[in-house]
Amino acid sequence: MKDINAKKIEKLLKEERYDEARSLLADFFSQELTKEDRASLYLDYALLHLKVMNRIAARYNKQLKTIRKNLSELPENA
């Protein structure tokens, strides 16, 4: 079984090269796997997915805080 390169996928995600990361994941999961391998890999994939979602949430939170700050600086009658 070919190993998944999580560090490369994470690097691609940081660089916002999502199509390339998706392609690596698709290639990897198209292999024939045992039940144990498949279960382990899906857990790894779930953890990676959570990391991605946390990064996205952090960006949204940062933007929302910026918006809130800008709103508090508006004049009262605006």
N, C-alpha and C. Protein backbone atom coordinates (compact mmCIF):
# COMPACT_ATOMS: atom_id res chain seq x y z
N MET A 1 0.84 -1.18 0.00
CA MET A 1 0.00 0.00 0.00
C MET A 1 0.88 1.24 0.00
N LYS A 2 0.58 2.17 -0.87
CA LYS A 2 1.30 3.43 -0.95
C LYS A 2 0.90 4.32 0.23
N ASP A 3 1.90 4.91 0.91
CA ASP A 3 1.61 5.76 2.07
C ASP A 3 1.10 7.13 1.62
N ILE A 4 0.28 7.72 2.48
CA ILE A 4 -0.22 9.07 2.24
C ILE A 4 0.83 10.04 2.77
N ASN A 5 1.08 11.10 2.04
CA ASN A 5 2.06 12.10 2.44
C ASN A 5 1.33 13.27 3.08
N ALA A 6 1.03 13.14 4.37
CA ALA A 6 0.24 14.16 5.07
C ALA A 6 0.95 15.50 5.10
N LYS A 7 2.27 15.49 5.25
CA LYS A 7 3.01 16.76 5.30
C LYS A 7 2.89 17.50 3.97
N LYS A 8 2.96 16.75 2.86
CA LYS A 8 2.83 17.39 1.55
C LYS A 8 1.42 17.95 1.38
N ILE A 9 0.43 17.20 1.82
CA ILE A 9 -0.95 17.66 1.71
C ILE A 9 -1.15 18.91 2.56
N GLU A 10 -0.63 18.90 3.78
CA GLU A 10 -0.75 20.08 4.64
C GLU A 10 -0.06 21.29 4.01
N LYS A 11 1.11 21.07 3.39
CA LYS A 11 1.82 22.15 2.72
C LYS A 11 0.98 22.71 1.58
N LEU A 12 0.39 21.83 0.78
CA LEU A 12 -0.47 22.28 -0.31
C LEU A 12 -1.66 23.07 0.21
N LEU A 13 -2.23 22.63 1.32
CA LEU A 13 -3.37 23.35 1.91
C LEU A 13 -2.95 24.73 2.39
N LYS A 14 -1.78 24.82 3.02
CA LYS A 14 -1.28 26.13 3.47
C LYS A 14 -1.08 27.07 2.30
N GLU A 15 -0.67 26.51 1.16
CA GLU A 15 -0.45 27.31 -0.05
C GLU A 15 -1.73 27.51 -0.85
N GLU A 16 -2.85 27.03 -0.29
CA GLU A 16 -4.17 27.12 -0.92
C GLU A 16 -4.21 26.45 -2.29
N ARG A 17 -3.46 25.35 -2.43
CA ARG A 17 -3.45 24.55 -3.65
C ARG A 17 -4.37 23.34 -3.42
N TYR A 18 -5.65 23.66 -3.27
CA TYR A 18 -6.64 22.67 -2.84
C TYR A 18 -6.86 21.56 -3.87
N ASP A 19 -6.85 21.89 -5.15
CA ASP A 19 -7.07 20.86 -6.17
C ASP A 19 -5.97 19.81 -6.15
N GLU A 20 -4.73 20.25 -5.95
CA GLU A 20 -3.62 19.31 -5.89
C GLU A 20 -3.72 18.41 -4.64
N ALA A 21 -4.10 19.00 -3.52
CA ALA A 21 -4.27 18.21 -2.29
C ALA A 21 -5.39 17.20 -2.46
N ARG A 22 -6.48 17.64 -3.06
CA ARG A 22 -7.63 16.75 -3.30
C ARG A 22 -7.22 15.60 -4.22
N SER A 23 -6.43 15.90 -5.23
CA SER A 23 -5.98 14.88 -6.17
C SER A 23 -5.10 13.83 -5.48
N LEU A 24 -4.20 14.27 -4.60
CA LEU A 24 -3.37 13.32 -3.85
C LEU A 24 -4.23 12.41 -2.99
N LEU A 25 -5.21 12.99 -2.32
CA LEU A 25 -6.10 12.18 -1.48
C LEU A 25 -6.91 11.20 -2.33
N ALA A 26 -7.42 11.66 -3.46
CA ALA A 26 -8.22 10.79 -4.33
C ALA A 26 -7.38 9.63 -4.85
N ASP A 27 -6.14 9.92 -5.28
CA ASP A 27 -5.24 8.87 -5.76
C ASP A 27 -4.98 7.84 -4.67
N PHE A 28 -4.73 8.33 -3.48
CA PHE A 28 -4.43 7.44 -2.37
C PHE A 28 -5.61 6.54 -2.04
N PHE A 29 -6.81 7.11 -1.97
CA PHE A 29 -7.97 6.32 -1.58
C PHE A 29 -8.51 5.44 -2.70
N SER A 30 -7.96 5.56 -3.90
CA SER A 30 -8.40 4.69 -4.99
C SER A 30 -7.69 3.33 -4.94
N GLN A 31 -6.74 3.15 -4.03
CA GLN A 31 -6.02 1.88 -3.88
C GLN A 31 -6.91 0.81 -3.26
N GLU A 32 -6.53 -0.44 -3.48
CA GLU A 32 -7.18 -1.56 -2.80
C GLU A 32 -6.62 -1.63 -1.39
N LEU A 33 -7.49 -1.62 -0.39
CA LEU A 33 -7.05 -1.61 1.00
C LEU A 33 -7.74 -2.71 1.79
N THR A 34 -7.05 -3.18 2.84
CA THR A 34 -7.70 -4.10 3.77
C THR A 34 -8.67 -3.29 4.63
N LYS A 35 -9.56 -3.99 5.34
CA LYS A 35 -10.50 -3.29 6.23
C LYS A 35 -9.76 -2.46 7.27
N GLU A 36 -8.70 -3.03 7.82
CA GLU A 36 -7.94 -2.33 8.85
C GLU A 36 -7.27 -1.09 8.29
N ASP A 37 -6.66 -1.24 7.10
CA ASP A 37 -6.02 -0.09 6.46
C ASP A 37 -7.04 1.01 6.18
N ARG A 38 -8.18 0.60 5.63
CA ARG A 38 -9.22 1.57 5.29
C ARG A 38 -9.71 2.31 6.54
N ALA A 39 -9.94 1.58 7.63
CA ALA A 39 -10.41 2.21 8.87
C ALA A 39 -9.37 3.19 9.41
N SER A 40 -8.12 2.76 9.42
CA SER A 40 -7.05 3.63 9.90
C SER A 40 -6.92 4.88 9.05
N LEU A 41 -7.01 4.70 7.75
CA LEU A 41 -6.87 5.84 6.84
C LEU A 41 -8.04 6.80 6.94
N TYR A 42 -9.22 6.28 7.11
CA TYR A 42 -10.37 7.18 7.27
C TYR A 42 -10.24 7.99 8.55
N LEU A 43 -9.69 7.39 9.60
CA LEU A 43 -9.45 8.16 10.82
C LEU A 43 -8.42 9.25 10.58
N ASP A 44 -7.34 8.90 9.86
CA ASP A 44 -6.33 9.91 9.51
C ASP A 44 -6.96 11.03 8.67
N TYR A 45 -7.80 10.63 7.72
CA TYR A 45 -8.46 11.61 6.87
C TYR A 45 -9.38 12.50 7.70
N ALA A 46 -10.10 11.92 8.64
CA ALA A 46 -11.00 12.70 9.50
C ALA A 46 -10.20 13.72 10.31
N LEU A 47 -9.05 13.31 10.83
CA LEU A 47 -8.20 14.25 11.58
C LEU A 47 -7.69 15.37 10.69
N LEU A 48 -7.28 15.02 9.48
CA LEU A 48 -6.82 16.04 8.53
C LEU A 48 -7.96 16.99 8.18
N HIS A 49 -9.14 16.44 7.97
CA HIS A 49 -10.31 17.26 7.66
C HIS A 49 -10.59 18.24 8.81
N LEU A 50 -10.49 17.76 10.04
CA LEU A 50 -10.71 18.64 11.20
C LEU A 50 -9.67 19.76 11.25
N LYS A 51 -8.42 19.44 10.92
CA LYS A 51 -7.39 20.48 10.89
C LYS A 51 -7.73 21.54 9.85
N VAL A 52 -8.16 21.10 8.68
CA VAL A 52 -8.53 22.04 7.62
C VAL A 52 -9.69 22.91 8.07
N MET A 53 -10.71 22.29 8.64
CA MET A 53 -11.88 23.04 9.08
C MET A 53 -11.51 24.03 10.19
N ASN A 54 -10.60 23.64 11.07
CA ASN A 54 -10.15 24.55 12.12
C ASN A 54 -9.41 25.75 11.54
N ARG A 55 -8.61 25.53 10.50
CA ARG A 55 -7.92 26.64 9.84
C ARG A 55 -8.93 27.59 9.20
N ILE A 56 -9.92 27.01 8.54
CA ILE A 56 -10.96 27.84 7.92
C ILE A 56 -11.70 28.63 8.99
N ALA A 57 -12.07 27.98 10.07
CA ALA A 57 -12.79 28.65 11.16
C ALA A 57 -11.93 29.77 11.76
N ALA A 58 -10.64 29.54 11.91
CA ALA A 58 -9.75 30.57 12.45
C ALA A 58 -9.73 31.80 11.55
N ARG A 59 -9.71 31.57 10.24
CA ARG A 59 -9.73 32.71 9.30
C ARG A 59 -11.03 33.48 9.41
N TYR A 60 -12.14 32.76 9.46
CA TYR A 60 -13.44 33.42 9.61
C TYR A 60 -13.49 34.20 10.92
N ASN A 61 -13.02 33.61 11.99
CA ASN A 61 -13.02 34.30 13.28
C ASN A 61 -12.20 35.58 13.23
N LYS A 62 -11.05 35.51 12.59
CA LYS A 62 -10.20 36.69 12.46
C LYS A 62 -10.93 37.78 11.67
N GLN A 63 -11.56 37.40 10.57
CA GLN A 63 -12.29 38.38 9.76
C GLN A 63 -13.46 38.97 10.54
N LEU A 64 -14.19 38.14 11.27
CA LEU A 64 -15.32 38.64 12.05
C LEU A 64 -14.86 39.60 13.14
N LYS A 65 -13.73 39.33 13.76
CA LYS A 65 -13.21 40.24 14.78
C LYS A 65 -12.82 41.58 14.15
N THR A 66 -12.24 41.53 12.95
CA THR A 66 -11.90 42.76 12.25
C THR A 66 -13.15 43.55 11.91
N ILE A 67 -14.17 42.87 11.43
CA ILE A 67 -15.44 43.53 11.11
C ILE A 67 -16.04 44.15 12.36
N ARG A 68 -16.05 43.40 13.44
CA ARG A 68 -16.61 43.92 14.71
C ARG A 68 -15.84 45.17 15.15
N LYS A 69 -14.52 45.14 15.04
CA LYS A 69 -13.71 46.29 15.43
C LYS A 69 -14.06 47.49 14.55
N ASN A 70 -14.18 47.26 13.25
CA ASN A 70 -14.51 48.34 12.33
C ASN A 70 -15.91 48.88 12.60
N LEU A 71 -16.83 48.03 12.97
CA LEU A 71 -18.19 48.48 13.29
C LEU A 71 -18.18 49.38 14.52
N SER A 72 -17.38 49.05 15.50
CA SER A 72 -17.34 49.85 16.72
C SER A 72 -16.72 51.22 16.49
N GLU A 73 -16.01 51.38 15.39
CA GLU A 73 -15.38 52.67 15.07
C GLU A 73 -16.27 53.56 14.21
N LEU A 74 -17.44 53.06 13.80
CA LEU A 74 -18.37 53.87 13.01
C LEU A 74 -18.99 54.97 13.87
N PRO A 75 -19.27 56.12 13.27
CA PRO A 75 -19.98 57.16 14.02
C PRO A 75 -21.39 56.68 14.37
N GLU A 76 -21.96 57.22 15.43
CA GLU A 76 -23.28 56.80 15.91
C GLU A 76 -24.37 56.93 14.86
N ASN A 77 -24.36 57.97 14.05
CA ASN A 77 -25.44 58.21 13.09
C ASN A 77 -25.14 57.64 11.70
N ALA A 78 -24.18 56.76 11.58
CA ALA A 78 -23.85 56.18 10.27
C ALA A 78 -24.76 55.03 9.94
